[in-house]
Structures are given as structure tokens and as C-alpha cells.
């Protein structure tokens, strides 16, 4: 039997500039042997022809360069977000669209818990309930006055808790930790902003963190990714440096032949708002990389510099937030950040920095520039993650420094109207998620879903970048639109470049891994408004086939 299989398709979009379109691809040993016409592929010798995709379109597998396996936590037993959320089996859990609906959903969840269990839920965002008072501990007390309740917001940067938890953890009006919300009388309101404050809810926060990185979630996350055509995903809050005992369990799951994707981990060297011996952590990371396999790698480290725009904890430059509310604080100091970046940069460890606010972007770029003066690693590809409010001057500086931007473009759909009306204002919102500005400045970009915050699905992400339309129908920043080709590049080769994997994945060309998304139409051929409606049939990972349930949504 031949060890070469040729797959035919109605169209193959390769993202390889010398050979952009084909109708056949030959695979041998999990890699692309040849791509072109059927006759050209047949010239490579003995083969079998597989026509299962003859009527489909093959694209390079999408690459989610900023995701989280915590999206697998979003089930009917835990999810309380505003938008409906697609699950791995193709079904959908419905969102909650008012405080009353939230309390009702929480009561349903609470009724199924054991006596000593904490009620943990995920996905809340009070910004979607305009005209209603901001959620407090007293609202959650309607669910239970005795059981501890911890509701993580969609951003992951805030939580709202009830009075039972506040009392159990000893959180009082005298608590000095930054981020503890207080009501008008000075008592804790139940809102905890950013990890230092969230960690005061010690038992609940610890349980939520452990659940979020449970190896058992990885497979469910990969199935969600498969449904969206994603073949390589990431965990951007990897805890292998802090919990190295989990490494073996993750490898056992991800390296299995039936695991439908690849994983790249970006590990926290310390919990946000705390310090560590970063030189020691950098050495530990280099040791961690020795366990890397083709399906699971430790790609670098993640630094969290600020918070969430819709939670008013992202650090903005003047004039700050449109609404006047501002709970922002940096989770590190500029001086400490410089030393942290140097510790990893001088060891050639890639750094991904969470920067929602442009003030956070600025101090990260300062730190990178300082590190480059100290150690001239020119191919570092450090990444400004989210880059929602980065300025034109900052993009020019990124290009000069060799820094990439992974832009959280999905915010246009999920929070665009709120950013226009509440956080940024109707004028500044047009320059958020500035994909066109970044590309014109020469900055390598990718696009992400921050899976768990929004559903994984690069067809939706591309749709957002190309159209920039909100749920109300307004276009935010028409001048920042990019073309479908540029969006597809960002979702494939652009993301691969940021992961230092563009020599292996991101395009369909000889020698690269046979990782494909199989769809019913090319995003380069359909009406731009229809990109998010393209159907995903499944993925190919290293030549292995994984079908998506045909009731699944592609992330739209």
C-alpha cells in the first residue's frame, strides 16, 4: 500500500505566494509532499487518491494564537454570559440578558450543588445590562445567603461574589488590596477587580483557577477548535511553571493520536500582581521546553500588565475612559517589567504581554527597547496581546522594535457598541483594533478570539476584521478595515509567525505539516458579509481527519 495520499478539492487556498491556488495536495508521513494539480501531485510516484473533499475547499488550518482551554468550562451548568455560546458537541448554551435572568440561571445551578460546594460560574458582564444597577453581593444573596458564590466576568479580570463569601474570607471595609470594590457607605460591594483582589476569595479563586487549567478540559477545547477549523490553539495562561506536575497529564492527552489539534502553551512566571525570581523562572522554562513534542509545545511566557477595558481596569493614556469611571492600575511597575522582560529576552524566550490599554502597551515597548539594548536578539517576535487601543505612534514603534500585535478584533462584535457608548466614546472607538494602521506600519499581526472570553472561531474573527460591524449595525472605523486575504493571512501565517512556527504550519506548501481546515467556501470568494457563515466540515491534523458535527457553529 502506498504511503502517499492525494486529496482533491474544488479549491485549495495555500497562502503560499508562489503557488496560491491548487486542486490537489499530496501527503506523506503527515506532511505536505506536493500541492498543485492532480497530475502534478501524481508525478511524485505511487499513491492513492482520496476524493472525500472533492466538493469542498481546503484552507491552511486556522491558528488561534491567543486562546484558553477555559472555554470548555462554558456549559449549561456554569455559563452566565450575555451571548449564546457554542459547545463542543455542536449544541449551544443560551446567554442571559438581564439581571433577573442571571439570578434565575444561578438558582438553577445552585439547586444541583452539594451542601459544601461553592457556586462557580463564568461569563458575566454587567455592561450588557444598561439602566440596571451594577451587580452587587446583595443581588447574589438572592440566590443563596449561606453558600459561597463566585461569578467570574467574561474578561477573566473581575469577579462578583456574595455576602457569604465576603464574610467567610474576611473581606471588609478595611481591606486595602487594590481592586476591592466598595459601595457608597464604604462596605465591600462584592466586585473584585483583577487577580490580587480576586485572590482574596481564596478558596473560590483557587478552585476556579484549577478548573480552568484542568487537563481534562483540553480535549473539549480541542473539539471546539476542530468545529471552527482551528488546528493549532494556545493556552495563554499556562501554569506549567507554577504547577509543573500537570505537564505529564497534558502531554498524555495532547500527544494522543486522536487529539484533534496542536497546543502551544505560554506560561505565567508568576500570578498577576505578584513577583518572582524571573531569572530562575526563565531557566525553569528552558528545562520545560525539553519536553516539547510536535503536538504540544511551551512557546514562551505570558506577562499580564493591565486589565479589562469593559471592566475599567485596563490602563489608558490621557484622557482615560469616556464614562469617567476608572479603576485601572498596572499589575507591575515599569521598573520591574524591564527586569522581567530582560530575564526572558536574554535567554531567547518569546514574551506575550497582555496590554489592553495603551498605557500598558507603552511600558511594555519601553521594556522591550531596554532589553534589545542589553541583548540584541533580533528575531524575538515578542507580542502585544489584545492591542485594543494601541496608537499609530505605538505601531510605528512596534515595527521598529520587531514587536508583533495580536489584535482582539472580536470586541467589535461583542463589545463594540458598549465601547462606543460607555468606555471609549463614539470618536475614539473608531481607532480601536487598528488592523489597517498596524499593517501599514509594517507590524506583523494576528487576530484572536481569546477563547473562553468569546467563542473560538476564526471565520467570525476574520468577518470582524473585514467588516467592523457591531450588533446594532454600525460600522466602527471603516478606515481600519482589512481585506479578506489580509484577514486570512493573519489567521494562518500571521499567527504561525508569532508562535515561531511559520516554518512548520500556517500555509499549505511542501515540507509543512498537513494541517488543514475543510470548509464549504473560500473566504476570499464569498461576499465579505458572508465570511462568518462559511460551514466548517472539519480539520486535518498531520494528515489525520477529524470531522466536525454538522450542527456545529463556526464561531459566528
Protein backbone atom coordinates (compact mmCIF):
# COMPACT_ATOMS: atom_id res chain seq x y z
CA UNK A 1 0.00 0.00 0.00
CA UNK A 2 1.32 3.45 -0.91
CA UNK A 3 2.40 5.81 1.85
CA UNK A 4 1.32 8.82 -0.22
CA UNK A 5 -2.29 10.00 -0.35
CA UNK A 6 -3.51 12.67 -2.74
CA UNK A 7 -6.59 14.66 -1.73
CA UNK A 8 -8.55 16.51 -4.35
CA UNK A 9 -10.70 19.56 -3.66
CA UNK A 10 -12.76 22.07 -5.57
CA UNK A 11 -10.17 24.63 -4.45
CA UNK A 12 -7.13 24.71 -2.19
CA UNK A 13 -6.08 28.13 -0.90
CA UNK A 14 -2.46 27.62 0.11
CA UNK A 15 -1.35 31.05 1.45
CA UNK A 16 1.94 30.27 -0.33
CA UNK A 17 2.77 33.27 -2.50
CA UNK A 18 4.47 31.24 -5.27
CA UNK A 19 1.65 28.74 -5.56
CA UNK A 20 -1.50 30.38 -4.20
CA UNK A 21 -4.24 28.08 -5.54
CA UNK A 22 -4.38 24.35 -6.22
CA UNK A 23 -6.83 21.49 -6.65
CA UNK A 24 -4.82 18.62 -5.15
CA UNK A 25 -2.45 18.06 -2.26
CA UNK A 26 -0.26 15.02 -1.66
CA UNK A 27 0.51 13.96 1.93
CA UNK A 28 3.25 11.64 3.11
CA UNK A 29 4.21 10.99 6.74
CA UNK A 30 1.88 13.71 7.97
CA UNK A 31 3.48 16.40 5.83
CA UNK A 32 2.70 18.10 2.54
CA UNK A 33 4.63 16.34 -0.22
CA UNK A 34 3.24 18.29 -3.16
CA UNK A 35 0.47 20.76 -3.93
CA UNK A 36 -0.83 21.73 -7.35
CA UNK A 37 -2.91 19.91 -9.95
CA UNK A 38 -3.75 16.23 -9.64
CA UNK A 39 -1.32 15.44 -12.43
CA UNK A 40 1.50 17.33 -10.71
CA UNK A 41 0.91 15.51 -7.44
CA UNK A 42 0.72 12.14 -9.20
CA UNK A 43 4.19 12.71 -10.64
CA UNK A 44 5.67 12.03 -7.20
CA UNK A 45 5.19 8.30 -7.60
CA UNK A 46 2.91 5.58 -6.19
CA UNK A 47 -0.11 6.98 -4.40
CA UNK A 48 -3.76 6.57 -3.59
CA UNK A 49 -6.36 9.21 -4.38
CA UNK A 50 -8.88 10.24 -1.73
CA UNK A 51 -11.84 12.25 -3.02
CA UNK A 52 -13.66 12.82 0.26
CA UNK A 53 -13.03 16.59 -0.10
CA UNK A 54 -13.60 16.78 -3.84
CA UNK A 55 -16.50 19.21 -3.44
CA UNK A 56 -15.00 21.16 -0.52
CA UNK A 57 -12.46 23.95 -0.11
CA UNK A 58 -9.23 23.30 1.77
CA UNK A 59 -7.53 26.13 3.67
CA UNK A 60 -4.50 26.10 5.93
CA UNK A 61 -5.66 25.17 9.40
CA UNK A 62 -6.56 28.26 11.39
CA UNK A 63 -4.22 29.13 14.25
CA UNK A 64 -5.56 30.61 17.48
CA UNK A 65 -2.55 32.43 18.90
CA UNK A 66 -4.42 33.67 21.98
CA UNK A 67 -6.83 31.17 23.43
CA UNK A 68 -7.69 29.46 26.69
CA UNK A 69 -8.91 25.98 27.46
CA UNK A 70 -11.26 27.58 29.99
CA UNK A 71 -13.78 27.85 27.14
CA UNK A 72 -14.61 24.23 27.98
CA UNK A 73 -15.98 25.50 31.31
CA UNK A 74 -18.79 27.26 29.49
CA UNK A 75 -21.60 24.74 29.85
CA UNK A 76 -25.24 24.95 30.85
CA UNK A 77 -24.07 24.33 34.43
CA UNK A 78 -21.64 27.26 34.58
CA UNK A 79 -22.19 29.78 31.77
CA UNK A 80 -23.90 33.08 32.56
CA UNK A 81 -22.64 35.25 29.68
CA UNK A 82 -24.78 37.56 27.57
CA UNK A 83 -24.23 35.94 24.15
CA UNK A 84 -25.11 32.35 23.25
CA UNK A 85 -22.06 30.07 23.43
CA UNK A 86 -21.36 27.12 21.06
CA UNK A 87 -20.31 23.85 22.71
CA UNK A 88 -18.09 21.01 21.53
CA UNK A 89 -20.99 18.72 20.58
CA UNK A 90 -22.44 21.36 18.26
CA UNK A 91 -25.16 22.49 20.65
CA UNK A 92 -25.42 25.97 22.13
CA UNK A 93 -25.91 27.23 25.67
CA UNK A 94 -28.16 30.28 25.72
CA UNK A 95 -26.96 33.58 27.13
CA UNK A 96 -28.60 35.57 29.93
CA UNK A 97 -29.71 39.08 29.00
CA UNK A 98 -30.79 40.68 32.27
CA UNK A 99 -30.03 40.61 35.97
CA UNK A 100 -33.31 38.78 36.57
CA UNK A 101 -32.36 36.09 34.03
CA UNK A 102 -28.93 35.84 35.64
CA UNK A 103 -30.39 35.26 39.10
CA UNK A 104 -32.77 32.66 37.66
CA UNK A 105 -29.91 30.80 35.92
CA UNK A 106 -27.83 30.87 39.11
CA UNK A 107 -30.72 29.48 41.14
CA UNK A 108 -30.96 26.57 38.69
CA UNK A 109 -27.24 25.91 39.05
CA UNK A 110 -27.38 26.24 42.84
CA UNK A 111 -30.16 23.68 43.15
CA UNK A 112 -27.89 20.95 41.79
CA UNK A 113 -24.93 21.53 44.10
CA UNK A 114 -23.86 19.63 47.19
CA UNK A 115 -24.03 21.24 50.61
CA UNK A 116 -20.41 22.40 50.81
CA UNK A 117 -19.85 23.26 47.15
CA UNK A 118 -19.07 26.79 46.06
CA UNK A 119 -21.23 28.07 43.22
CA UNK A 120 -18.75 28.92 40.47
CA UNK A 121 -19.99 30.47 37.24
CA UNK A 122 -18.37 32.17 34.28
CA UNK A 123 -19.05 34.74 31.58
CA UNK A 124 -20.83 37.57 33.40
CA UNK A 125 -20.55 41.13 32.13
CA UNK A 126 -22.80 43.75 33.76
CA UNK A 127 -22.00 46.26 30.99
CA UNK A 128 -24.67 44.50 28.90
CA UNK A 129 -27.41 45.46 31.37
CA UNK A 130 -27.68 49.23 30.78
CA UNK A 131 -30.11 51.03 33.04
CA UNK A 132 -29.85 48.34 35.70
CA UNK A 133 -27.84 48.92 38.89
CA UNK A 134 -24.39 47.31 38.76
CA UNK A 135 -24.48 43.79 40.16
CA UNK A 136 -23.52 43.53 43.84
CA UNK A 137 -23.20 40.93 46.56
CA UNK A 138 -26.77 41.70 47.60
CA UNK A 139 -28.09 40.59 44.20
CA UNK A 140 -26.25 37.29 44.54
CA UNK A 141 -27.62 36.90 48.07
CA UNK A 142 -30.99 36.31 46.39
CA UNK A 143 -29.52 33.04 45.12
CA UNK A 144 -28.11 31.97 48.48
CA UNK A 145 -27.25 33.70 51.74
CA UNK A 146 -25.26 30.71 53.01
CA UNK A 147 -23.46 29.18 50.03
CA UNK A 148 -20.37 31.00 48.73
CA UNK A 149 -20.90 32.32 45.18
CA UNK A 150 -18.09 33.40 42.83
CA UNK A 151 -19.00 34.66 39.35
CA UNK A 152 -16.05 35.31 37.05
CA UNK A 153 -16.67 38.02 34.48
CA UNK A 154 -16.24 37.28 30.78
CA UNK A 155 -12.91 39.09 30.67
CA UNK A 156 -11.47 36.94 33.45
CA UNK A 157 -10.25 40.13 35.15
CA UNK A 158 -13.13 40.68 37.56
CA UNK A 159 -15.46 38.65 39.73
CA UNK A 160 -18.62 39.33 41.67
CA UNK A 161 -19.19 37.45 44.93
CA UNK A 162 -21.94 37.21 47.52
CA UNK A 163 -22.06 38.20 51.18
CA UNK A 164 -21.43 34.65 52.40
CA UNK A 165 -18.10 34.58 50.57
CA UNK A 166 -17.18 38.08 51.74
CA UNK A 167 -17.79 37.05 55.36
CA UNK A 168 -16.04 33.69 55.04
CA UNK A 169 -12.90 35.27 53.58
CA UNK A 170 -12.82 38.23 55.96
CA UNK A 171 -13.10 40.90 53.27
CA UNK A 172 -14.09 44.14 55.00
CA UNK A 173 -14.26 47.89 54.53
CA UNK A 174 -10.70 47.96 55.85
CA UNK A 175 -9.32 45.65 53.14
CA UNK A 176 -6.54 47.61 51.47
CA UNK A 177 -5.86 45.37 48.46
CA UNK A 178 -6.34 47.42 45.26
CA UNK A 179 -9.42 46.34 43.34
CA UNK A 180 -11.80 45.61 46.21
CA UNK A 181 -14.99 47.36 45.17
CA UNK A 182 -16.76 49.42 47.83
CA UNK A 183 -20.29 50.78 47.95
CA UNK A 184 -21.22 54.35 48.89
CA UNK A 185 -21.00 53.51 52.59
CA UNK A 186 -17.52 52.03 52.18
CA UNK A 187 -18.57 48.40 52.59
CA UNK A 188 -17.43 45.72 50.10
CA UNK A 189 -19.77 45.74 47.11
CA UNK A 190 -18.94 42.20 46.03
CA UNK A 191 -16.94 43.25 42.97
CA UNK A 192 -13.30 42.14 42.95
CA UNK A 193 -11.17 43.69 40.22
CA UNK A 194 -8.03 41.95 38.97
CA UNK A 195 -6.26 38.88 40.40
CA UNK A 196 -4.82 40.46 43.58
CA UNK A 197 -8.35 41.33 44.73
CA UNK A 198 -9.93 38.19 43.27
CA UNK A 199 -7.43 36.06 45.18
CA UNK A 200 -8.89 37.37 48.45
CA UNK A 201 -11.71 34.93 47.67
CA UNK A 202 -9.03 32.34 48.28
CA UNK A 203 -10.93 29.06 48.15
CA UNK A 204 -13.23 30.04 45.27
CA UNK A 205 -10.48 31.70 43.24
CA UNK A 206 -8.21 28.70 43.67
CA UNK A 207 -10.96 26.29 42.62
CA UNK A 208 -11.75 28.41 39.56
CA UNK A 209 -8.08 28.55 38.56
CA UNK A 210 -7.65 24.80 38.97
CA UNK A 211 -10.78 24.11 36.93
CA UNK A 212 -9.63 26.49 34.21
CA UNK A 213 -6.38 24.62 33.54
CA UNK A 214 -7.61 21.10 34.28
CA UNK A 215 -6.05 18.75 31.72
CA UNK A 216 -9.49 17.21 31.21
CA UNK A 217 -10.67 20.45 29.60
CA UNK A 218 -8.03 20.31 26.89
CA UNK A 219 -9.83 17.72 24.79
CA UNK A 220 -13.13 19.58 24.95
CA UNK A 221 -11.35 22.79 23.97
CA UNK A 222 -9.73 21.00 21.01
CA UNK A 223 -13.13 19.72 19.88
CA UNK A 224 -14.47 23.28 19.95
CA UNK A 225 -11.42 24.32 17.93
CA UNK A 226 -12.00 21.48 15.45
CA UNK A 227 -15.56 22.70 14.90
CA UNK A 228 -14.14 26.10 13.94
CA UNK A 229 -11.37 24.84 11.64
CA UNK A 230 -8.61 25.59 14.15
CA UNK A 231 -5.74 23.11 14.05
CA UNK A 232 -3.30 24.85 16.42
CA UNK A 233 -4.51 26.52 19.58
CA UNK A 234 -2.87 28.10 22.58
CA UNK A 235 -3.22 28.32 26.33
CA UNK A 236 -2.18 31.86 27.18
CA UNK A 237 -2.41 31.34 30.92
CA UNK A 238 -0.30 28.22 31.03
CA UNK A 239 0.64 27.23 34.57
CA UNK A 240 3.38 24.71 33.84
CA UNK A 241 5.98 26.90 35.55
CA UNK A 242 3.78 27.19 38.64
CA UNK A 243 2.28 23.70 38.53
CA UNK A 244 4.86 21.56 36.66
CA UNK A 245 3.21 18.39 37.92
CA UNK A 246 0.49 18.96 35.30
CA UNK A 247 2.88 18.71 32.37
CA UNK A 248 2.77 14.93 32.02
CA UNK A 249 -1.04 14.84 32.12
CA UNK A 250 -1.29 17.47 29.39
CA UNK A 251 1.17 15.60 27.19
CA UNK A 252 -0.73 12.36 27.64
CA UNK A 253 -3.90 13.98 26.32
CA UNK A 254 -2.50 16.24 23.58
CA UNK A 255 0.03 13.78 22.15
CA UNK A 256 -2.62 11.08 21.71
CA UNK A 257 -3.28 10.23 18.03
CA UNK A 258 -6.99 11.00 18.39
CA UNK A 259 -6.43 14.52 19.80
CA UNK A 260 -7.70 16.83 17.02
CA UNK A 261 -5.10 19.58 17.12
CA UNK A 262 -1.86 21.03 18.41
CA UNK A 263 -1.35 23.10 21.56
CA UNK A 264 1.17 25.82 22.37
CA UNK A 265 1.43 27.00 25.97
CA UNK A 266 2.50 30.44 27.15
CA UNK A 267 3.22 30.09 30.84
CA UNK A 268 2.85 32.62 33.63
CA UNK A 269 6.11 33.12 35.52
CA UNK A 270 4.10 34.47 38.46
CA UNK A 271 0.49 35.21 39.27
CA UNK A 272 -0.53 38.71 38.12
CA UNK A 273 0.28 41.33 40.72
CA UNK A 274 2.97 39.22 42.39
CA UNK A 275 6.73 38.92 41.88
CA UNK A 276 9.14 36.03 41.39
CA UNK A 277 12.78 35.25 40.73
CA UNK A 278 12.43 35.73 36.98
CA UNK A 279 15.94 34.53 36.17
CA UNK A 280 15.12 31.27 37.92
CA UNK A 281 11.77 31.08 36.15
CA UNK A 282 13.48 31.62 32.80
CA UNK A 283 15.86 28.74 33.47
CA UNK A 284 12.90 26.59 34.55
CA UNK A 285 11.16 27.43 31.29
CA UNK A 286 14.15 26.30 29.24
CA UNK A 287 14.02 22.99 31.12
CA UNK A 288 10.29 22.78 30.43
CA UNK A 289 10.86 23.10 26.69
CA UNK A 290 12.85 19.87 26.67
CA UNK A 291 9.53 18.02 26.94
CA UNK A 292 8.13 19.63 23.76
CA UNK A 293 6.61 17.40 21.10
CA UNK A 294 5.21 18.16 17.64
CA UNK A 295 1.70 18.36 19.14
CA UNK A 296 2.40 20.19 22.41
CA UNK A 297 4.97 22.89 22.97
CA UNK A 298 5.87 25.53 25.50
CA UNK A 299 6.10 28.58 23.29
CA UNK A 300 7.08 31.28 25.76
CA UNK A 301 5.83 33.28 28.72
CA UNK A 302 2.80 35.46 29.29
CA UNK A 303 3.01 38.73 31.23
CA UNK A 304 -0.22 40.43 32.34
CA UNK A 305 0.35 44.17 32.57
CA UNK A 306 -3.15 45.60 32.93
CA UNK A 307 -6.80 44.59 32.96
CA UNK A 308 -10.05 44.82 31.02
CA UNK A 309 -11.46 47.79 29.10
CA UNK A 310 -15.11 46.89 29.73
CA UNK A 311 -14.21 46.36 33.39
CA UNK A 312 -12.45 49.76 33.51
CA UNK A 313 -9.24 48.11 34.75
CA UNK A 314 -7.15 48.48 31.57
CA UNK A 315 -4.59 51.27 31.91
CA UNK A 316 -5.30 54.06 29.43
CA UNK A 317 -3.28 57.11 28.47
CA UNK A 318 -4.87 60.56 28.81
CA UNK A 319 -7.80 61.29 28.77
CA UNK A 320 -8.73 57.89 30.15
CA UNK A 321 -12.24 56.47 29.98
CA UNK A 322 -15.16 58.20 28.27
CA UNK A 323 -17.58 57.36 31.08
CA UNK A 324 -15.31 58.88 33.70
CA UNK A 325 -15.15 55.60 35.62
CA UNK A 326 -11.58 54.42 36.04
CA UNK A 327 -10.50 51.52 38.24
CA UNK A 328 -7.28 50.90 36.30
CA UNK A 329 -3.96 50.05 37.82
CA UNK A 330 -0.89 48.40 36.38
CA UNK A 331 -0.20 44.88 37.64
CA UNK A 332 3.54 45.56 37.60
CA UNK A 333 5.79 48.59 37.77
CA UNK A 334 7.73 49.86 34.76
CA UNK A 335 10.99 49.09 36.57
CA UNK A 336 10.01 45.53 37.47
CA UNK A 337 8.68 44.93 33.96
CA UNK A 338 12.04 45.90 32.45
CA UNK A 339 13.85 43.38 34.63
CA UNK A 340 11.24 40.70 33.91
CA UNK A 341 11.47 41.18 30.14
CA UNK A 342 15.28 41.12 30.26
CA UNK A 343 15.32 37.83 32.17
CA UNK A 344 13.42 36.04 29.40
CA UNK A 345 14.61 38.02 26.39
CA UNK A 346 18.31 37.39 27.03
CA UNK A 347 17.54 33.64 27.07
CA UNK A 348 15.67 33.91 23.75
CA UNK A 349 12.29 33.15 25.31
CA UNK A 350 9.33 34.66 23.46
CA UNK A 351 7.21 37.07 25.53
CA UNK A 352 3.49 37.70 25.07
CA UNK A 353 2.31 40.75 27.04
CA UNK A 354 -1.34 41.41 27.86
CA UNK A 355 -1.84 45.09 27.01
CA UNK A 356 -5.44 46.23 26.62
CA UNK A 357 -4.76 49.87 27.46
CA UNK A 358 -2.30 51.97 25.51
CA UNK A 359 -0.51 52.97 28.72
CA UNK A 360 0.26 49.29 29.26
CA UNK A 361 1.46 48.99 25.65
CA UNK A 362 3.81 51.91 26.21
CA UNK A 363 5.61 50.48 29.22
CA UNK A 364 5.94 47.09 27.51
CA UNK A 365 7.55 48.70 24.47
CA UNK A 366 9.87 50.60 26.81
CA UNK A 367 10.87 47.28 28.39
CA UNK A 368 11.47 45.60 25.02
CA UNK A 369 13.59 48.50 23.82
CA UNK A 370 15.63 48.35 27.01
CA UNK A 371 16.10 44.58 26.59
CA UNK A 372 17.22 44.97 22.97
CA UNK A 373 19.90 47.44 24.03
CA UNK A 374 21.05 44.88 26.60
CA UNK A 375 20.85 41.83 24.27
CA UNK A 376 20.32 42.12 20.52
CA UNK A 377 18.03 39.18 19.79
CA UNK A 378 16.61 40.44 16.52
CA UNK A 379 14.11 37.63 15.84
CA UNK A 380 12.32 37.76 19.19
CA UNK A 381 8.79 38.34 17.82
CA UNK A 382 7.53 39.48 21.24
CA UNK A 383 3.79 40.16 21.09
CA UNK A 384 1.49 42.89 22.33
CA UNK A 385 -1.55 40.78 23.14
CA UNK A 386 -5.03 42.31 22.63
CA UNK A 387 -3.59 45.67 21.42
CA UNK A 388 -7.09 47.12 21.50
CA UNK A 389 -6.11 50.76 21.96
CA UNK A 390 -2.54 50.88 20.66
CA UNK A 391 -1.87 54.18 18.90
CA UNK A 392 -0.37 54.84 15.45
CA UNK A 393 2.84 56.01 17.13
CA UNK A 394 2.98 52.78 19.12
CA UNK A 395 2.51 50.69 15.97
CA UNK A 396 5.37 52.55 14.30
CA UNK A 397 7.45 51.80 17.37
CA UNK A 398 6.45 48.12 17.33
CA UNK A 399 7.63 47.85 13.74
CA UNK A 400 10.97 49.42 14.64
CA UNK A 401 11.44 47.06 17.60
CA UNK A 402 10.30 43.88 15.81
CA UNK A 403 7.24 43.51 18.04
CA UNK A 404 4.08 41.80 16.77
CA UNK A 405 0.45 42.60 17.60
CA UNK A 406 -2.26 40.03 18.22
CA UNK A 407 -5.41 42.12 17.94
CA UNK A 408 -8.59 41.21 19.84
CA UNK A 409 -10.81 42.12 16.90
CA UNK A 410 -13.81 40.14 18.19
CA UNK A 411 -14.51 43.01 20.60
CA UNK A 412 -16.08 44.89 17.69
CA UNK A 413 -18.98 42.44 17.69
CA UNK A 414 -19.15 41.51 21.35
CA UNK A 415 -18.46 44.91 22.98
CA UNK A 416 -18.23 47.45 20.15
CA UNK A 417 -21.49 49.21 20.93
CA UNK A 418 -20.58 49.38 24.61
CA UNK A 419 -17.13 50.79 23.87
CA UNK A 420 -18.71 53.48 21.68
CA UNK A 421 -21.34 54.47 24.23
CA UNK A 422 -19.57 53.90 27.54
CA UNK A 423 -15.86 53.11 27.74
CA UNK A 424 -14.08 54.84 24.83
CA UNK A 425 -16.64 57.17 23.28
CA UNK A 426 -18.06 57.48 19.75
CA UNK A 427 -14.94 59.11 18.28
CA UNK A 428 -12.05 57.13 19.81
CA UNK A 429 -13.78 53.80 19.24
CA UNK A 430 -13.11 54.16 15.52
CA UNK A 431 -9.37 53.79 16.12
CA UNK A 432 -9.60 50.72 18.34
CA UNK A 433 -8.39 47.35 16.97
CA UNK A 434 -6.37 49.25 14.37
CA UNK A 435 -5.54 46.41 11.97
CA UNK A 436 -5.05 48.67 8.95
CA UNK A 437 -2.78 51.03 10.85
CA UNK A 438 -0.71 48.12 12.16
CA UNK A 439 -0.24 46.55 8.73
CA UNK A 440 0.56 49.88 7.09
CA UNK A 441 3.20 50.48 9.76
CA UNK A 442 4.78 47.09 8.98
CA UNK A 443 3.72 45.30 12.15
CA UNK A 444 3.10 41.54 11.79
CA UNK A 445 -0.41 40.90 13.11
CA UNK A 446 -2.65 38.04 14.03
CA UNK A 447 -6.27 38.05 15.20
CA UNK A 448 -7.73 36.20 18.15
CA UNK A 449 -10.87 35.20 19.99
CA UNK A 450 -9.39 34.88 23.50
CA UNK A 451 -11.45 31.68 23.58
CA UNK A 452 -13.45 31.48 26.76
CA UNK A 453 -13.97 35.23 26.55
CA UNK A 454 -15.53 34.90 23.07
CA UNK A 455 -16.13 31.61 21.22
CA UNK A 456 -13.20 30.18 19.29
CA UNK A 457 -13.79 30.69 15.57
CA UNK A 458 -11.55 32.47 13.09
CA UNK A 459 -14.20 32.84 10.42
CA UNK A 460 -16.04 35.15 12.81
CA UNK A 461 -12.78 36.86 13.70
CA UNK A 462 -11.97 37.44 10.03
CA UNK A 463 -15.51 38.73 9.48
CA UNK A 464 -14.99 41.28 12.26
CA UNK A 465 -11.68 42.50 10.81
CA UNK A 466 -13.06 42.82 7.29
CA UNK A 467 -16.44 44.38 8.13
CA UNK A 468 -16.10 46.00 11.60
CA UNK A 469 -19.84 45.81 12.24
CA UNK A 470 -21.49 45.81 15.69
CA UNK A 471 -24.74 44.09 16.73
CA UNK A 472 -26.56 47.42 16.31
CA UNK A 473 -25.39 47.57 12.69
CA UNK A 474 -22.96 50.45 12.98
CA UNK A 475 -19.53 50.31 11.35
CA UNK A 476 -16.74 51.21 13.77
CA UNK A 477 -13.71 52.61 11.98
CA UNK A 478 -14.25 51.88 8.30
CA UNK A 479 -10.71 53.13 7.63
CA UNK A 480 -9.31 50.30 9.78
CA UNK A 481 -10.89 47.53 7.70
CA UNK A 482 -8.55 44.99 6.12
CA UNK A 483 -9.09 42.75 3.08
CA UNK A 484 -10.29 39.14 3.30
CA UNK A 485 -6.82 37.99 2.17
CA UNK A 486 -5.12 40.01 4.90
CA UNK A 487 -7.54 38.61 7.46
CA UNK A 488 -6.95 35.03 6.29
CA UNK A 489 -3.19 35.62 6.40
CA UNK A 490 -3.48 36.90 9.97
CA UNK A 491 -5.47 33.79 10.93
CA UNK A 492 -2.88 31.44 9.43
CA UNK A 493 0.66 32.54 8.58
CA UNK A 494 0.47 35.66 10.73
CA UNK A 495 -0.37 33.62 13.81
CA UNK A 496 2.21 30.97 12.92
CA UNK A 497 4.87 33.67 12.67
CA UNK A 498 4.08 34.95 16.16
CA UNK A 499 4.38 31.42 17.53
CA UNK A 500 7.78 30.98 15.79
CA UNK A 501 6.15 28.12 13.85
CA UNK A 502 5.76 29.60 10.36
CA UNK A 503 8.35 27.12 9.07
CA UNK A 504 6.00 24.27 10.08
CA UNK A 505 2.39 25.47 9.84
CA UNK A 506 0.30 28.35 8.51
CA UNK A 507 0.36 27.56 4.78
CA UNK A 508 -0.02 24.54 2.51
CA UNK A 509 3.41 24.02 0.98
CA UNK A 510 5.94 21.25 0.60
CA UNK A 511 7.54 20.18 3.85
CA UNK A 512 4.99 21.72 6.18
CA UNK A 513 2.67 19.75 8.42
CA UNK A 514 -0.54 18.65 6.75
CA UNK A 515 -2.84 20.79 8.90
CA UNK A 516 -5.96 21.94 7.04
CA UNK A 517 -9.38 23.46 7.62
CA UNK A 518 -12.03 21.91 5.38
CA UNK A 519 -14.87 24.30 4.54
CA UNK A 520 -17.67 24.75 2.03
CA UNK A 521 -16.41 28.02 0.52
CA UNK A 522 -13.32 30.20 0.43
CA UNK A 523 -13.44 33.40 2.49
CA UNK A 524 -11.68 35.02 -0.47
CA UNK A 525 -14.57 34.24 -2.81
CA UNK A 526 -17.75 34.91 -0.82
CA UNK A 527 -19.36 38.25 -0.05
CA UNK A 528 -17.37 39.69 2.87
CA UNK A 529 -20.57 39.82 4.91
CA UNK A 530 -20.93 36.05 4.47
CA UNK A 531 -17.48 35.03 5.75
CA UNK A 532 -18.85 34.12 9.17
CA UNK A 533 -21.49 31.88 7.56
CA UNK A 534 -18.97 29.55 5.91
CA UNK A 535 -19.53 25.96 7.06
CA UNK A 536 -16.66 24.02 8.61
CA UNK A 537 -16.67 20.30 7.76
CA UNK A 538 -13.70 19.51 9.98
CA UNK A 539 -9.91 19.60 10.11
CA UNK A 540 -6.90 17.59 9.05
CA UNK A 541 -4.03 17.50 11.56
CA UNK A 542 -0.80 15.86 10.45
CA UNK A 543 -2.76 14.03 7.77
CA UNK A 544 -5.35 12.69 10.23
CA UNK A 545 -9.01 13.56 9.67
CA UNK A 546 -11.35 14.95 12.33
CA UNK A 547 -14.93 15.72 11.34
CA UNK A 548 -16.97 18.47 12.98
CA UNK A 549 -20.57 17.73 13.99
CA UNK A 550 -22.67 19.26 11.25
CA UNK A 551 -24.92 21.05 13.71
CA UNK A 552 -21.84 22.94 14.95
CA UNK A 553 -21.40 26.68 14.54
CA UNK A 554 -18.12 28.01 13.14
CA UNK A 555 -17.83 30.59 15.90
CA UNK A 556 -20.30 33.07 14.46
